[in-house]
C-alpha atoms as a PDB file:
ATOM      1  CA  GLY A   1     107.755 129.248 110.517  1.00  0.00           C
ATOM      2  CA  VAL A   2     105.984 126.201 109.104  1.00  0.00           C
ATOM      3  CA  HIS A   3     103.066 128.330 107.893  1.00  0.00           C
ATOM      4  CA  TYR A   4     105.371 130.514 105.807  1.00  0.00           C
ATOM      5  CA  GLY A   5     107.556 127.665 104.608  1.00  0.00           C
ATOM      6  CA  ILE A   6     104.633 125.682 103.236  1.00  0.00           C
ATOM      7  CA  ARG A   7     103.562 128.718 101.237  1.00  0.00           C
ATOM      8  CA  GLY A   8     107.010 129.075  99.687  1.00  0.00           C
ATOM      9  CA  GLN A   9     108.049 132.038 101.835  1.00  0.00           C
ATOM     10  CA  THR A  10     111.309 130.382 102.829  1.00  0.00           C
ATOM     11  CA  ALA A  11     113.128 133.537 103.962  1.00  0.00           C
ATOM     12  CA  ARG A  12     110.264 134.480 106.256  1.00  0.00           C
ATOM     13  CA  ALA A  13     110.089 130.919 107.600  1.00  0.00           C
ATOM     14  CA  ASP A  14     113.838 130.946 108.264  1.00  0.00           C
ATOM     15  CA  SER A  15     113.485 134.231 110.137  1.00  0.00           C
ATOM     16  CA  HIS A  16     110.804 132.749 112.391  1.00  0.00           C
ATOM     17  CA  PHE A  17     112.781 129.548 112.967  1.00  0.00           C
ATOM     18  CA  THR A  18     115.953 131.534 113.711  1.00  0.00           C
ATOM     19  CA  ARG A  19     114.124 133.584 116.357  1.00  0.00           C
ATOM     20  CA  ALA A  20     112.615 130.424 117.842  1.00  0.00           C
ATOM     21  CA  GLU A  21     116.057 128.815 117.946  1.00  0.00           C
ATOM     22  CA  ALA A  22     117.495 131.856 119.747  1.00  0.00           C
ATOM     23  CA  ALA A  23     114.666 131.799 122.276  1.00  0.00           C
ATOM     24  CA  GLY A  24     115.136 128.073 122.765  1.00  0.00           C
ATOM     25  CA  ARG A  25     118.849 128.457 123.374  1.00  0.00           C
ATOM     26  CA  THR A  26     118.109 131.156 125.951  1.00  0.00           C
ATOM     27  CA  HIS A  27     115.370 129.332 127.859  1.00  0.00           C
ATOM     28  CA  LEU A  28     115.876 125.598 127.226  1.00  0.00           C
ATOM     29  CA  ASP A  29     118.613 123.023 127.378  1.00  0.00           C
ATOM     30  CA  SER A  30     120.003 122.226 123.945  1.00  0.00           C
ATOM     31  CA  ASP A  31     118.675 118.671 124.236  1.00  0.00           C
ATOM     32  CA  ASP A  32     115.187 119.673 125.392  1.00  0.00           C
ATOM     33  CA  PRO A  33     112.463 117.803 123.465  1.00  0.00           C
ATOM     34  CA  LEU A  34     110.937 121.159 122.502  1.00  0.00           C
ATOM     35  CA  MET A  35     114.109 121.938 120.552  1.00  0.00           C
ATOM     36  CA  ALA A  36     113.593 118.665 118.681  1.00  0.00           C
ATOM     37  CA  TRP A  37     110.184 119.951 117.523  1.00  0.00           C
ATOM     38  CA  LEU A  38     111.847 123.096 116.204  1.00  0.00           C
ATOM     39  CA  TRP A  39     114.480 121.112 114.294  1.00  0.00           C
ATOM     40  CA  GLN A  40     111.865 118.666 113.020  1.00  0.00           C
ATOM     41  CA  ASP A  41     109.634 121.436 111.652  1.00  0.00           C
ATOM     42  CA  TRP A  42     112.561 123.312 110.140  1.00  0.00           C
ATOM     43  CA  ALA A  43     113.747 120.087 108.497  1.00  0.00           C
ATOM     44  CA  ALA A  44     110.304 119.486 106.975  1.00  0.00           C
ATOM     45  CA  VAL A  45     110.076 123.033 105.606  1.00  0.00           C
ATOM     46  CA  SER A  46     113.593 122.677 104.164  1.00  0.00           C
ATOM     47  CA  LEU A  47     112.686 119.351 102.568  1.00  0.00           C
ATOM     48  CA  PHE A  48     109.497 120.757 101.035  1.00  0.00           C
ATOM     49  CA  ALA A  49     111.547 123.677  99.664  1.00  0.00           C
ATOM     50  CA  GLY A  50     113.953 121.225  98.017  1.00  0.00           C
ATOM     51  CA  ASP A  51     116.905 121.931 100.329  1.00  0.00           C
ATOM     52  CA  THR A  52     117.867 118.397 101.313  1.00  0.00           C
ATOM     53  CA  ASP A  53     121.196 119.457 102.829  1.00  0.00           C
ATOM     54  CA  ARG A  54     119.513 121.694 105.386  1.00  0.00           C
ATOM     55  CA  ALA A  55     116.740 119.161 105.920  1.00  0.00           C
ATOM     56  CA  GLU A  56     119.319 116.495 106.693  1.00  0.00           C
ATOM     57  CA  THR A  57     121.165 118.770 109.125  1.00  0.00           C
ATOM     58  CA  PHE A  58     118.007 119.737 110.999  1.00  0.00           C
ATOM     59  CA  VAL A  59     116.491 116.256 111.126  1.00  0.00           C
ATOM     60  CA  GLY A  60     119.862 115.019 112.405  1.00  0.00           C
ATOM     61  CA  ARG A  61     119.578 117.457 115.310  1.00  0.00           C
ATOM     62  CA  ALA A  62     116.011 116.344 116.045  1.00  0.00           C
ATOM     63  CA  LEU A  63     117.052 112.690 115.897  1.00  0.00           C
ATOM     64  CA  ALA A  64     119.975 113.231 118.262  1.00  0.00           C
ATOM     65  CA  ILE A  65     117.688 114.759 120.883  1.00  0.00           C
ATOM     66  CA  ARG A  66     114.887 112.250 120.459  1.00  0.00           C
ATOM     67  CA  GLU A  67     117.180 109.212 120.445  1.00  0.00           C
ATOM     68  CA  ALA A  68     118.716 110.427 123.714  1.00  0.00           C
ATOM     69  CA  ARG A  69     115.399 111.314 125.375  1.00  0.00           C
ATOM     70  CA  PHE A  70     112.776 108.845 124.128  1.00  0.00           C
ATOM     71  CA  PRO A  71     112.455 105.051 124.132  1.00  0.00           C
ATOM     72  CA  ASP A  72     112.904 103.387 120.769  1.00  0.00           C
ATOM     73  CA  GLY A  73     109.204 102.969 119.971  1.00  0.00           C
ATOM     74  CA  HIS A  74     108.170 106.530 120.873  1.00  0.00           C
ATOM     75  CA  PRO A  75     106.021 108.117 118.126  1.00  0.00           C
ATOM     76  CA  ALA A  76     108.036 111.370 118.086  1.00  0.00           C
ATOM     77  CA  LEU A  77     111.238 109.406 117.508  1.00  0.00           C
ATOM     78  CA  GLN A  78     109.565 107.443 114.726  1.00  0.00           C
ATOM     79  CA  GLU A  79     108.416 110.699 113.101  1.00  0.00           C
ATOM     80  CA  SER A  80     112.017 111.940 113.057  1.00  0.00           C
ATOM     81  CA  ARG A  81     113.182 108.664 111.551  1.00  0.00           C
ATOM     82  CA  ALA A  82     110.470 108.841 108.909  1.00  0.00           C
ATOM     83  CA  LEU A  83     111.474 112.414 108.028  1.00  0.00           C
ATOM     84  CA  HIS A  84     115.079 111.254 107.778  1.00  0.00           C
ATOM     85  CA  ALA A  85     113.837 108.530 105.410  1.00  0.00           C
ATOM     86  CA  ALA A  86     112.121 111.204 103.302  1.00  0.00           C
ATOM     87  CA  VAL A  87     115.459 113.003 102.996  1.00  0.00           C
ATOM     88  CA  LEU A  88     117.149 109.728 102.031  1.00  0.00           C
ATOM     89  CA  ILE A  89     114.524 109.185  99.322  1.00  0.00           C
ATOM     90  CA  GLU A  90     115.331 112.597  97.849  1.00  0.00           C
ATOM     91  CA  ARG A  91     118.993 111.528  97.822  1.00  0.00           C
ATOM     92  CA  GLY A  92     118.192 108.231  96.075  1.00  0.00           C
ATOM     93  CA  GLN A  93     118.997 106.064  99.120  1.00  0.00           C
ATOM     94  CA  PHE A  94     115.854 103.979  98.772  1.00  0.00           C
ATOM     95  CA  VAL A  95     116.886 100.788 100.586  1.00  0.00           C
ATOM     96  CA  GLU A  96     117.918 102.590 103.788  1.00  0.00           C
ATOM     97  CA  ALA A  97     114.772 104.732 103.621  1.00  0.00           C
ATOM     98  CA  GLU A  98     112.642 101.590 103.298  1.00  0.00           C
ATOM     99  CA  ARG A  99     114.301 100.074 106.374  1.00  0.00           C
ATOM    100  CA  LEU A 100     113.705 103.187 108.488  1.00  0.00           C
ATOM    101  CA  LEU A 101     110.073 103.455 107.388  1.00  0.00           C
ATOM    102  CA  ARG A 102     109.293  99.785 107.969  1.00  0.00           C
ATOM    103  CA  ASP A 103     110.853  99.971 111.441  1.00  0.00           C
ATOM    104  CA  ALA A 104     108.844 103.119 112.220  1.00  0.00           C
ATOM    105  CA  LEU A 105     105.598 101.472 111.109  1.00  0.00           C
ATOM    106  CA  VAL A 106     106.309  98.343 113.178  1.00  0.00           C
ATOM    107  CA  ALA A 107     107.001 100.482 116.256  1.00  0.00           C
ATOM    108  CA  ILE A 108     103.803 102.504 115.795  1.00  0.00           C
ATOM    109  CA  ASP A 109     101.704  99.381 115.099  1.00  0.00           C
ATOM    110  CA  ALA A 110     103.151  97.605 118.167  1.00  0.00           C
ATOM    111  CA  GLN A 111     101.761 100.377 120.349  1.00  0.00           C
ATOM    112  CA  HIS A 112      98.382 100.282 118.586  1.00  0.00           C
ATOM    113  CA  LEU A 113      98.660 103.986 117.937  1.00  0.00           C
ATOM    114  CA  VAL A 114      96.668 105.776 115.309  1.00  0.00           C
ATOM    115  CA  ALA A 115      99.214 108.459 114.584  1.00  0.00           C
ATOM    116  CA  GLY A 116      98.190 111.067 112.043  1.00  0.00           C
ATOM    117  CA  SER A 117     101.574 110.647 110.420  1.00  0.00           C
ATOM    118  CA  VAL A 118     101.059 106.956 109.557  1.00  0.00           C
ATOM    119  CA  PRO A 119      99.684 107.735 106.063  1.00  0.00           C
ATOM    120  CA  ALA A 120     102.775 109.883 105.432  1.00  0.00           C
ATOM    121  CA  PHE A 121     105.031 107.017 106.587  1.00  0.00           C
ATOM    122  CA  ARG A 122     103.225 104.604 104.255  1.00  0.00           C
ATOM    123  CA  ALA A 123     103.255 107.009 101.313  1.00  0.00           C
ATOM    124  CA  GLU A 124     106.995 107.609 101.807  1.00  0.00           C
ATOM    125  CA  LEU A 125     107.443 103.827 101.926  1.00  0.00           C
ATOM    126  CA  GLY A 126     105.732 103.725  98.533  1.00  0.00           C
ATOM    127  CA  ALA A 127     108.225 106.286  97.235  1.00  0.00           C
ATOM    128  CA  ALA A 128     111.141 104.212  98.578  1.00  0.00           C
ATOM    129  CA  LEU A 129     109.763 101.090  96.891  1.00  0.00           C
ATOM    130  CA  ALA A 130     109.147 102.970  93.624  1.00  0.00           C
ATOM    131  CA  GLY A 131     112.762 104.105  93.686  1.00  0.00           C
ATOM    132  CA  GLN A 132     113.768 100.442  93.834  1.00  0.00           C
ATOM    133  CA  GLY A 133     111.511  99.578  90.889  1.00  0.00           C
ATOM    134  CA  ARG A 134     109.039  97.656  93.056  1.00  0.00           C
ATOM    135  CA  ASP A 135     106.002  99.166  91.357  1.00  0.00           C
ATOM    136  CA  ALA A 136     103.397  96.584  92.389  1.00  0.00           C
ATOM    137  CA  GLU A 137     104.080  97.333  96.069  1.00  0.00           C
ATOM    138  CA  ALA A 138     104.662 101.055  95.589  1.00  0.00           C
ATOM    139  CA  GLU A 139     101.600 102.110  93.613  1.00  0.00           C
ATOM    140  CA  PRO A 140      98.867 101.333  96.185  1.00  0.00           C
ATOM    141  CA  LEU A 141     100.938 102.838  99.001  1.00  0.00           C
ATOM    142  CA  LEU A 142     101.474 106.059  97.062  1.00  0.00           C
ATOM    143  CA  ARG A 143      97.933 106.373  95.710  1.00  0.00           C
ATOM    144  CA  ASP A 144      95.917 105.288  98.757  1.00  0.00           C
ATOM    145  CA  ASN A 145      97.957 107.119 101.366  1.00  0.00           C
ATOM    146  CA  LEU A 146      98.066 110.344  99.380  1.00  0.00           C
ATOM    147  CA  ASP A 147      94.276 110.264  99.479  1.00  0.00           C
ATOM    148  CA  ARG A 148      94.359 109.697 103.264  1.00  0.00           C
ATOM    149  CA  LEU A 149      96.819 112.568 103.700  1.00  0.00           C
ATOM    150  CA  ARG A 150      94.599 114.893 101.691  1.00  0.00           C
ATOM    151  CA  ARG A 151      91.622 114.105 103.907  1.00  0.00           C
ATOM    152  CA  ARG A 152      93.484 114.235 107.237  1.00  0.00           C
ATOM    153  CA  LEU A 153      95.831 117.181 107.029  1.00  0.00           C
ATOM    154  CA  THR A 154      94.933 120.825 106.825  1.00  0.00           C
ATOM    155  CA  ASP A 155      95.916 122.973 103.880  1.00  0.00           C
ATOM    156  CA  TRP A 156      98.895 124.500 105.717  1.00  0.00           C
ATOM    157  CA  HIS A 157     100.575 121.120 106.025  1.00  0.00           C
ATOM    158  CA  GLY A 158     103.131 120.313 103.329  1.00  0.00           C
ATOM    159  CA  TRP A 159     103.036 116.507 103.324  1.00  0.00           C
ATOM    160  CA  PRO A 160     100.177 116.120 100.824  1.00  0.00           C
ATOM    161  CA  GLN A 161     101.951 118.345  98.304  1.00  0.00           C
ATOM    162  CA  HIS A 162     105.288 116.632  98.946  1.00  0.00           C
ATOM    163  CA  MET A 163     103.765 113.205  98.366  1.00  0.00           C
ATOM    164  CA  ALA A 164     101.803 114.453  95.340  1.00  0.00           C
ATOM    165  CA  ARG A 165     105.151 115.201  93.667  1.00  0.00           C
ATOM    166  CA  HIS A 166     106.162 111.562  94.242  1.00  0.00           C
ATOM    167  CA  VAL A 167     102.869 110.292  92.801  1.00  0.00           C
ATOM    168  CA  VAL A 168     103.106 112.522  89.714  1.00  0.00           C
ATOM    169  CA  ALA A 169     106.718 111.451  89.133  1.00  0.00           C
ATOM    170  CA  PHE A 170     105.795 107.779  89.620  1.00  0.00           C
ATOM    171  CA  TYR A 171     103.104 107.833  86.936  1.00  0.00           C
ATOM    172  CA  ALA A 172     105.088 110.061  84.555  1.00  0.00           C
ATOM    173  CA  ALA A 173     108.077 107.702  84.717  1.00  0.00           C
ATOM    174  CA  ARG A 174     105.805 104.810  83.823  1.00  0.00           C
ATOM    175  CA  GLY A 175     104.160 106.549  80.874  1.00  0.00           C
ATOM    176  CA  ARG A 176     100.814 106.997  82.655  1.00  0.00           C
ATOM    177  CA  PRO A 177     100.714 110.727  83.531  1.00  0.00           C
ATOM    178  CA  GLY A 178      96.898 110.794  83.366  1.00  0.00           C
ATOM    179  CA  ALA A 179      96.709 108.426  86.350  1.00  0.00           C
ATOM    180  CA  ALA A 180      98.132 111.205  88.552  1.00  0.00           C
ATOM    181  CA  GLY A 181      95.217 113.596  88.043  1.00  0.00           C
ATOM    182  CA  ALA A 182      94.215 113.925  91.717  1.00  0.00           C
ATOM    183  CA  ALA A 183      97.838 114.270  92.781  1.00  0.00           C
ATOM    184  CA  ARG A 184      98.543 116.894  90.119  1.00  0.00           C
ATOM    185  CA  ALA A 185      95.661 118.978  91.485  1.00  0.00           C
ATOM    186  CA  LEU A 186      97.581 119.328  94.784  1.00  0.00           C
ATOM    187  CA  LEU A 187     100.613 120.904  93.145  1.00  0.00           C
END
């Protein structure tokens, strides 16, 4: 489903996710961690497609499972919280998104993990700070972590494009659209 969703084939992605959900309900408990992966991926595809209502519903399901099954610092739980923060950013709830992202980064750093999602967490933190008008903190987080995302994630992954939209909007709102050249190339 993710493959199709990233390429804008939302109906096809939904069909795949719906079949996966049906199979999961048949063969797994509703709170099985594998179901959380399904909800997490479906939430991300929904977010990238601009459907924040569905993204919020699906990430809520992933969070419910992961909060019940994993200890607070677990990387999978932090990924769900960071995705929830991304939804909050789209809704303009920048302060709460910042809190979730900072907590997720502290939890990951405390375990000395080098999670591939850390650049996405930091770039989203930049978007939360930009939404609060804290440009001096936001700009390096957006710019530097978008570059890290581009280098780390394959072309089927939607985070670089999602963050590129934040970078382009950041510079456009500040009258510096030319500074977003590399980000614009990802769109």
